[in-house]
């Protein structure tokens, strides 16, 4: 009987992981979703993330918080660009849209890309 290679699949948690920030959890969930959609294998994902973390760790000590997830996000974006899901200019345009939405949003209000007047 052949034992399946568990390293090639996304983790299956009995208990959900705990995240310090909501965006960390959202990024993790998006990564698992994109893996399940066949965008990349989990083995490829972990290899690319490991390489990116090692490279980032050469410049400064990662604390496992926002800096870790910033590397995670960049790695996911690079995979999406390599797979043709998006491109650099689209990513930059979306970042600018979010930056503008953040700047125009009053403190304490939800940030929205479209100014639809709803709160």
N, C-alpha and C. Protein backbone atom coordinates (compact mmCIF):
# COMPACT_ATOMS: atom_id res chain seq x y z
N UNK A 1 0.84 -1.18 0.00
CA UNK A 1 0.00 0.00 0.00
C UNK A 1 0.89 1.24 0.00
N UNK A 2 0.59 2.16 -0.89
CA UNK A 2 1.37 3.38 -1.01
C UNK A 2 0.85 4.44 -0.04
N UNK A 3 1.77 5.08 0.67
CA UNK A 3 1.41 6.14 1.60
C UNK A 3 1.42 7.46 0.84
N UNK A 4 0.30 8.23 0.90
CA UNK A 4 0.28 9.49 0.16
C UNK A 4 1.31 10.48 0.69
N UNK A 5 1.84 11.29 -0.21
CA UNK A 5 2.81 12.31 0.16
C UNK A 5 2.07 13.51 0.75
N UNK A 6 2.02 13.60 2.07
CA UNK A 6 1.30 14.67 2.75
C UNK A 6 1.94 16.03 2.53
N UNK A 7 3.22 16.07 2.20
CA UNK A 7 3.89 17.36 2.01
C UNK A 7 3.41 18.06 0.75
N UNK A 8 2.72 17.34 -0.14
CA UNK A 8 2.28 17.93 -1.39
C UNK A 8 0.89 18.56 -1.29
N UNK A 9 0.27 18.52 -0.13
CA UNK A 9 -1.06 19.08 0.02
C UNK A 9 -1.07 20.16 1.08
N UNK A 10 -2.07 21.01 1.00
CA UNK A 10 -2.22 22.06 2.01
C UNK A 10 -2.50 21.43 3.36
N UNK A 11 -2.12 22.10 4.43
CA UNK A 11 -2.34 21.54 5.76
C UNK A 11 -3.82 21.38 6.05
N UNK A 12 -4.15 20.35 6.81
CA UNK A 12 -5.52 20.09 7.23
C UNK A 12 -5.51 20.17 8.75
N UNK A 13 -5.89 21.31 9.31
CA UNK A 13 -5.80 21.54 10.73
C UNK A 13 -7.02 21.02 11.47
N UNK A 14 -6.80 20.29 12.56
CA UNK A 14 -7.90 19.91 13.44
C UNK A 14 -8.39 21.16 14.16
N UNK A 15 -7.46 22.00 14.55
CA UNK A 15 -7.76 23.29 15.18
C UNK A 15 -7.23 24.36 14.24
N UNK A 16 -8.01 25.42 14.01
CA UNK A 16 -7.49 26.47 13.13
C UNK A 16 -6.29 27.17 13.74
N UNK A 17 -5.33 27.57 12.91
CA UNK A 17 -4.16 28.29 13.44
C UNK A 17 -4.58 29.65 14.01
N UNK A 18 -3.79 30.15 14.91
CA UNK A 18 -4.05 31.45 15.52
C UNK A 18 -3.17 32.49 14.83
N UNK A 19 -3.77 33.61 14.47
CA UNK A 19 -3.06 34.67 13.77
C UNK A 19 -3.11 35.95 14.60
N UNK A 20 -2.03 36.72 14.53
CA UNK A 20 -1.96 37.96 15.29
C UNK A 20 -2.83 39.05 14.68
N UNK A 21 -3.00 39.03 13.38
CA UNK A 21 -3.75 40.08 12.67
C UNK A 21 -4.73 39.42 11.69
N UNK A 22 -5.88 40.04 11.47
CA UNK A 22 -6.84 39.48 10.51
C UNK A 22 -6.25 39.29 9.12
N UNK A 23 -5.39 40.22 8.67
CA UNK A 23 -4.86 40.08 7.32
C UNK A 23 -3.93 38.88 7.20
N UNK A 24 -3.31 38.46 8.31
CA UNK A 24 -2.48 37.25 8.27
C UNK A 24 -3.37 36.04 7.97
N UNK A 25 -4.50 35.97 8.66
CA UNK A 25 -5.44 34.86 8.45
C UNK A 25 -6.01 34.88 7.04
N UNK A 26 -6.35 36.09 6.55
CA UNK A 26 -6.90 36.21 5.20
C UNK A 26 -5.88 35.79 4.15
N UNK A 27 -4.63 36.16 4.35
CA UNK A 27 -3.57 35.78 3.42
C UNK A 27 -3.36 34.26 3.42
N UNK A 28 -3.38 33.68 4.61
CA UNK A 28 -3.25 32.22 4.71
C UNK A 28 -4.41 31.55 3.98
N UNK A 29 -5.63 32.03 4.23
CA UNK A 29 -6.81 31.43 3.59
C UNK A 29 -6.76 31.57 2.07
N UNK A 30 -6.33 32.74 1.58
CA UNK A 30 -6.21 32.92 0.13
C UNK A 30 -5.19 31.96 -0.46
N UNK A 31 -4.09 31.77 0.25
CA UNK A 31 -3.05 30.86 -0.24
C UNK A 31 -3.57 29.44 -0.34
N UNK A 32 -4.26 28.98 0.70
CA UNK A 32 -4.83 27.63 0.67
C UNK A 32 -5.85 27.52 -0.45
N UNK A 33 -6.69 28.53 -0.61
CA UNK A 33 -7.70 28.52 -1.67
C UNK A 33 -7.05 28.43 -3.06
N UNK A 34 -6.04 29.26 -3.30
CA UNK A 34 -5.38 29.25 -4.60
C UNK A 34 -4.68 27.91 -4.86
N UNK A 35 -4.12 27.32 -3.81
CA UNK A 35 -3.53 25.99 -3.94
C UNK A 35 -4.61 24.98 -4.34
N UNK A 36 -5.74 25.02 -3.66
CA UNK A 36 -6.82 24.07 -3.94
C UNK A 36 -7.40 24.28 -5.34
N UNK A 37 -7.27 25.49 -5.87
CA UNK A 37 -7.72 25.76 -7.24
C UNK A 37 -6.70 25.29 -8.28
N UNK A 38 -5.55 24.80 -7.82
CA UNK A 38 -4.55 24.25 -8.73
C UNK A 38 -3.53 25.25 -9.24
N UNK A 39 -3.46 26.43 -8.63
CA UNK A 39 -2.50 27.44 -9.10
C UNK A 39 -1.06 27.00 -8.86
N UNK A 40 -0.84 26.26 -7.77
CA UNK A 40 0.49 25.78 -7.43
C UNK A 40 0.36 24.58 -6.50
N UNK A 41 1.40 23.76 -6.47
CA UNK A 41 1.41 22.64 -5.52
C UNK A 41 1.87 23.16 -4.16
N UNK A 42 1.47 22.47 -3.12
CA UNK A 42 1.89 22.90 -1.78
C UNK A 42 3.39 22.75 -1.62
N UNK A 43 3.95 21.73 -2.24
CA UNK A 43 5.40 21.52 -2.19
C UNK A 43 6.14 22.70 -2.83
N UNK A 44 5.66 23.16 -4.00
CA UNK A 44 6.27 24.33 -4.65
C UNK A 44 6.11 25.57 -3.79
N UNK A 45 4.93 25.74 -3.20
CA UNK A 45 4.67 26.90 -2.35
C UNK A 45 5.64 26.95 -1.18
N UNK A 46 5.77 25.84 -0.47
CA UNK A 46 6.64 25.84 0.70
C UNK A 46 8.10 26.06 0.31
N UNK A 47 8.51 25.52 -0.84
CA UNK A 47 9.89 25.72 -1.30
C UNK A 47 10.14 27.20 -1.62
N UNK A 48 9.22 27.83 -2.34
CA UNK A 48 9.40 29.23 -2.70
C UNK A 48 9.33 30.15 -1.49
N UNK A 49 8.40 29.86 -0.56
CA UNK A 49 8.30 30.67 0.65
C UNK A 49 9.56 30.50 1.50
N UNK A 50 10.06 29.28 1.61
CA UNK A 50 11.28 29.04 2.38
C UNK A 50 12.46 29.81 1.81
N UNK A 51 12.60 29.80 0.49
CA UNK A 51 13.68 30.56 -0.16
C UNK A 51 13.54 32.06 0.11
N UNK A 52 12.31 32.56 0.00
CA UNK A 52 12.08 33.99 0.20
C UNK A 52 12.35 34.38 1.66
N UNK A 53 11.95 33.53 2.60
CA UNK A 53 12.20 33.82 4.02
C UNK A 53 13.69 33.79 4.32
N UNK A 54 14.40 32.84 3.74
CA UNK A 54 15.85 32.77 3.95
C UNK A 54 16.52 34.02 3.41
N UNK A 55 16.11 34.47 2.23
CA UNK A 55 16.69 35.68 1.64
C UNK A 55 16.38 36.90 2.50
N UNK A 56 15.14 37.03 2.96
CA UNK A 56 14.76 38.17 3.80
C UNK A 56 15.49 38.12 5.14
N UNK A 57 15.71 36.92 5.66
CA UNK A 57 16.40 36.76 6.94
C UNK A 57 17.87 37.14 6.89
N UNK A 58 18.44 37.21 5.69
CA UNK A 58 19.83 37.65 5.55
C UNK A 58 19.98 39.14 5.80
N UNK A 59 18.88 39.89 5.60
CA UNK A 59 18.93 41.35 5.73
C UNK A 59 18.54 41.81 7.12
N UNK A 60 17.66 41.08 7.78
CA UNK A 60 17.27 41.41 9.14
C UNK A 60 16.56 40.20 9.76
N UNK A 61 16.50 40.18 11.08
CA UNK A 61 15.84 39.09 11.79
C UNK A 61 14.33 39.24 11.66
N UNK A 62 13.69 38.19 11.17
CA UNK A 62 12.24 38.21 11.04
C UNK A 62 11.62 37.89 12.40
N UNK A 63 10.60 38.65 12.78
CA UNK A 63 9.99 38.44 14.09
C UNK A 63 8.77 37.51 14.05
N UNK A 64 8.41 37.04 12.86
CA UNK A 64 7.29 36.12 12.74
C UNK A 64 5.94 36.81 12.66
N UNK A 65 5.93 38.13 12.66
CA UNK A 65 4.69 38.88 12.58
C UNK A 65 4.50 39.45 11.19
N UNK A 66 4.28 40.75 11.13
CA UNK A 66 4.02 41.41 9.85
C UNK A 66 5.14 41.18 8.84
N UNK A 67 6.39 41.16 9.31
CA UNK A 67 7.49 40.98 8.37
C UNK A 67 7.43 39.59 7.70
N UNK A 68 7.07 38.58 8.45
CA UNK A 68 6.91 37.22 7.92
C UNK A 68 5.81 37.20 6.87
N UNK A 69 4.67 37.80 7.21
CA UNK A 69 3.54 37.78 6.28
C UNK A 69 3.75 38.71 5.09
N UNK A 70 4.58 39.73 5.23
CA UNK A 70 4.94 40.57 4.08
C UNK A 70 5.73 39.74 3.06
N UNK A 71 6.64 38.91 3.55
CA UNK A 71 7.39 38.00 2.67
C UNK A 71 6.42 36.99 2.05
N UNK A 72 5.50 36.48 2.86
CA UNK A 72 4.48 35.54 2.38
C UNK A 72 3.68 36.16 1.23
N UNK A 73 3.21 37.39 1.45
CA UNK A 73 2.42 38.08 0.43
C UNK A 73 3.23 38.29 -0.84
N UNK A 74 4.46 38.74 -0.71
CA UNK A 74 5.30 38.96 -1.88
C UNK A 74 5.52 37.65 -2.64
N UNK A 75 5.74 36.57 -1.91
CA UNK A 75 5.94 35.26 -2.54
C UNK A 75 4.69 34.84 -3.31
N UNK A 76 3.53 35.01 -2.69
CA UNK A 76 2.28 34.65 -3.35
C UNK A 76 2.07 35.50 -4.61
N UNK A 77 2.35 36.79 -4.52
CA UNK A 77 2.23 37.64 -5.70
C UNK A 77 3.17 37.20 -6.81
N UNK A 78 4.40 36.85 -6.45
CA UNK A 78 5.37 36.41 -7.46
C UNK A 78 4.90 35.13 -8.16
N UNK A 79 4.30 34.22 -7.39
CA UNK A 79 3.75 33.00 -7.98
C UNK A 79 2.61 33.34 -8.93
N UNK A 80 1.73 34.24 -8.51
CA UNK A 80 0.60 34.62 -9.35
C UNK A 80 1.06 35.30 -10.63
N UNK A 81 2.11 36.11 -10.54
CA UNK A 81 2.67 36.75 -11.73
C UNK A 81 3.30 35.69 -12.64
N UNK A 82 4.06 34.78 -12.06
CA UNK A 82 4.70 33.72 -12.85
C UNK A 82 3.67 32.83 -13.55
N UNK A 83 2.53 32.62 -12.91
CA UNK A 83 1.48 31.78 -13.49
C UNK A 83 0.59 32.54 -14.48
N UNK A 84 0.83 33.85 -14.61
CA UNK A 84 0.04 34.64 -15.55
C UNK A 84 -1.32 35.06 -15.01
N UNK A 85 -1.54 34.91 -13.72
CA UNK A 85 -2.81 35.29 -13.11
C UNK A 85 -2.92 36.82 -13.05
N UNK A 86 -1.79 37.47 -12.87
CA UNK A 86 -1.73 38.93 -12.82
C UNK A 86 -0.37 39.36 -13.35
N UNK A 87 -0.12 40.66 -13.33
CA UNK A 87 1.19 41.16 -13.75
C UNK A 87 1.57 42.32 -12.83
N UNK A 88 2.82 42.74 -12.94
CA UNK A 88 3.34 43.80 -12.06
C UNK A 88 2.50 45.07 -12.13
N UNK A 89 2.13 45.49 -13.33
CA UNK A 89 1.39 46.75 -13.45
C UNK A 89 0.01 46.65 -12.82
N UNK A 90 -0.64 45.51 -12.92
CA UNK A 90 -1.94 45.32 -12.28
C UNK A 90 -1.82 45.33 -10.76
N UNK A 91 -0.77 44.70 -10.26
CA UNK A 91 -0.53 44.69 -8.81
C UNK A 91 -0.26 46.11 -8.33
N UNK A 92 0.58 46.84 -9.04
CA UNK A 92 0.89 48.21 -8.65
C UNK A 92 -0.35 49.10 -8.70
N UNK A 93 -1.19 48.92 -9.71
CA UNK A 93 -2.42 49.71 -9.83
C UNK A 93 -3.36 49.43 -8.66
N UNK A 94 -3.48 48.16 -8.29
CA UNK A 94 -4.35 47.81 -7.17
C UNK A 94 -3.80 48.36 -5.87
N UNK A 95 -2.48 48.30 -5.68
CA UNK A 95 -1.88 48.87 -4.48
C UNK A 95 -2.15 50.37 -4.40
N UNK A 96 -2.08 51.06 -5.52
CA UNK A 96 -2.35 52.49 -5.55
C UNK A 96 -3.82 52.78 -5.24
N UNK A 97 -4.72 51.97 -5.75
CA UNK A 97 -6.14 52.14 -5.44
C UNK A 97 -6.40 51.99 -3.95
N UNK A 98 -5.79 50.99 -3.33
CA UNK A 98 -5.96 50.79 -1.89
C UNK A 98 -5.32 51.93 -1.11
N UNK A 99 -4.15 52.39 -1.55
CA UNK A 99 -3.47 53.50 -0.88
C UNK A 99 -4.37 54.76 -0.92
N UNK A 100 -4.94 55.04 -2.08
CA UNK A 100 -5.84 56.20 -2.22
C UNK A 100 -7.09 56.04 -1.37
N UNK A 101 -7.63 54.83 -1.33
CA UNK A 101 -8.82 54.59 -0.51
C UNK A 101 -8.51 54.79 0.96
N UNK A 102 -7.34 54.34 1.38
CA UNK A 102 -6.93 54.51 2.78
C UNK A 102 -6.79 55.99 3.13
N UNK A 103 -6.17 56.75 2.25
CA UNK A 103 -5.94 58.17 2.50
C UNK A 103 -7.26 58.94 2.60
N UNK A 104 -8.24 58.61 1.78
CA UNK A 104 -9.49 59.35 1.78
C UNK A 104 -10.50 58.88 2.83
N UNK A 105 -10.18 57.78 3.53
CA UNK A 105 -11.12 57.23 4.51
C UNK A 105 -10.93 57.89 5.87
N UNK A 106 -12.01 58.42 6.45
CA UNK A 106 -11.90 59.00 7.79
C UNK A 106 -11.49 57.94 8.82
N UNK A 107 -10.75 58.38 9.82
CA UNK A 107 -10.28 57.48 10.88
C UNK A 107 -11.47 56.73 11.49
N UNK A 108 -11.29 55.44 11.67
CA UNK A 108 -12.32 54.61 12.30
C UNK A 108 -13.36 54.06 11.36
N UNK A 109 -13.34 54.50 10.11
CA UNK A 109 -14.29 54.01 9.12
C UNK A 109 -13.64 52.88 8.31
N UNK A 110 -14.45 51.98 7.77
CA UNK A 110 -13.89 50.91 6.93
C UNK A 110 -13.31 51.48 5.63
N UNK A 111 -12.18 50.94 5.24
CA UNK A 111 -11.56 51.35 3.97
C UNK A 111 -12.22 50.58 2.85
N UNK A 112 -12.68 51.32 1.85
CA UNK A 112 -13.33 50.72 0.69
C UNK A 112 -12.69 51.24 -0.58
N UNK A 113 -12.59 50.39 -1.57
CA UNK A 113 -12.03 50.82 -2.85
C UNK A 113 -12.97 51.79 -3.55
N UNK A 114 -14.24 51.46 -3.57
CA UNK A 114 -15.22 52.32 -4.24
C UNK A 114 -15.88 53.22 -3.20
N UNK A 115 -15.93 54.50 -3.49
CA UNK A 115 -16.58 55.43 -2.58
C UNK A 115 -18.08 55.43 -2.89
N UNK A 116 -18.77 54.41 -2.31
CA UNK A 116 -20.20 54.26 -2.59
C UNK A 116 -21.08 54.96 -1.56
N UNK A 117 -20.46 55.62 -0.58
CA UNK A 117 -21.21 56.35 0.42
C UNK A 117 -21.77 55.50 1.54
N UNK A 118 -21.62 54.18 1.46
CA UNK A 118 -22.14 53.28 2.50
C UNK A 118 -21.14 53.18 3.63
N UNK A 119 -21.65 53.15 4.84
CA UNK A 119 -20.77 52.98 6.01
C UNK A 119 -21.08 51.71 6.70
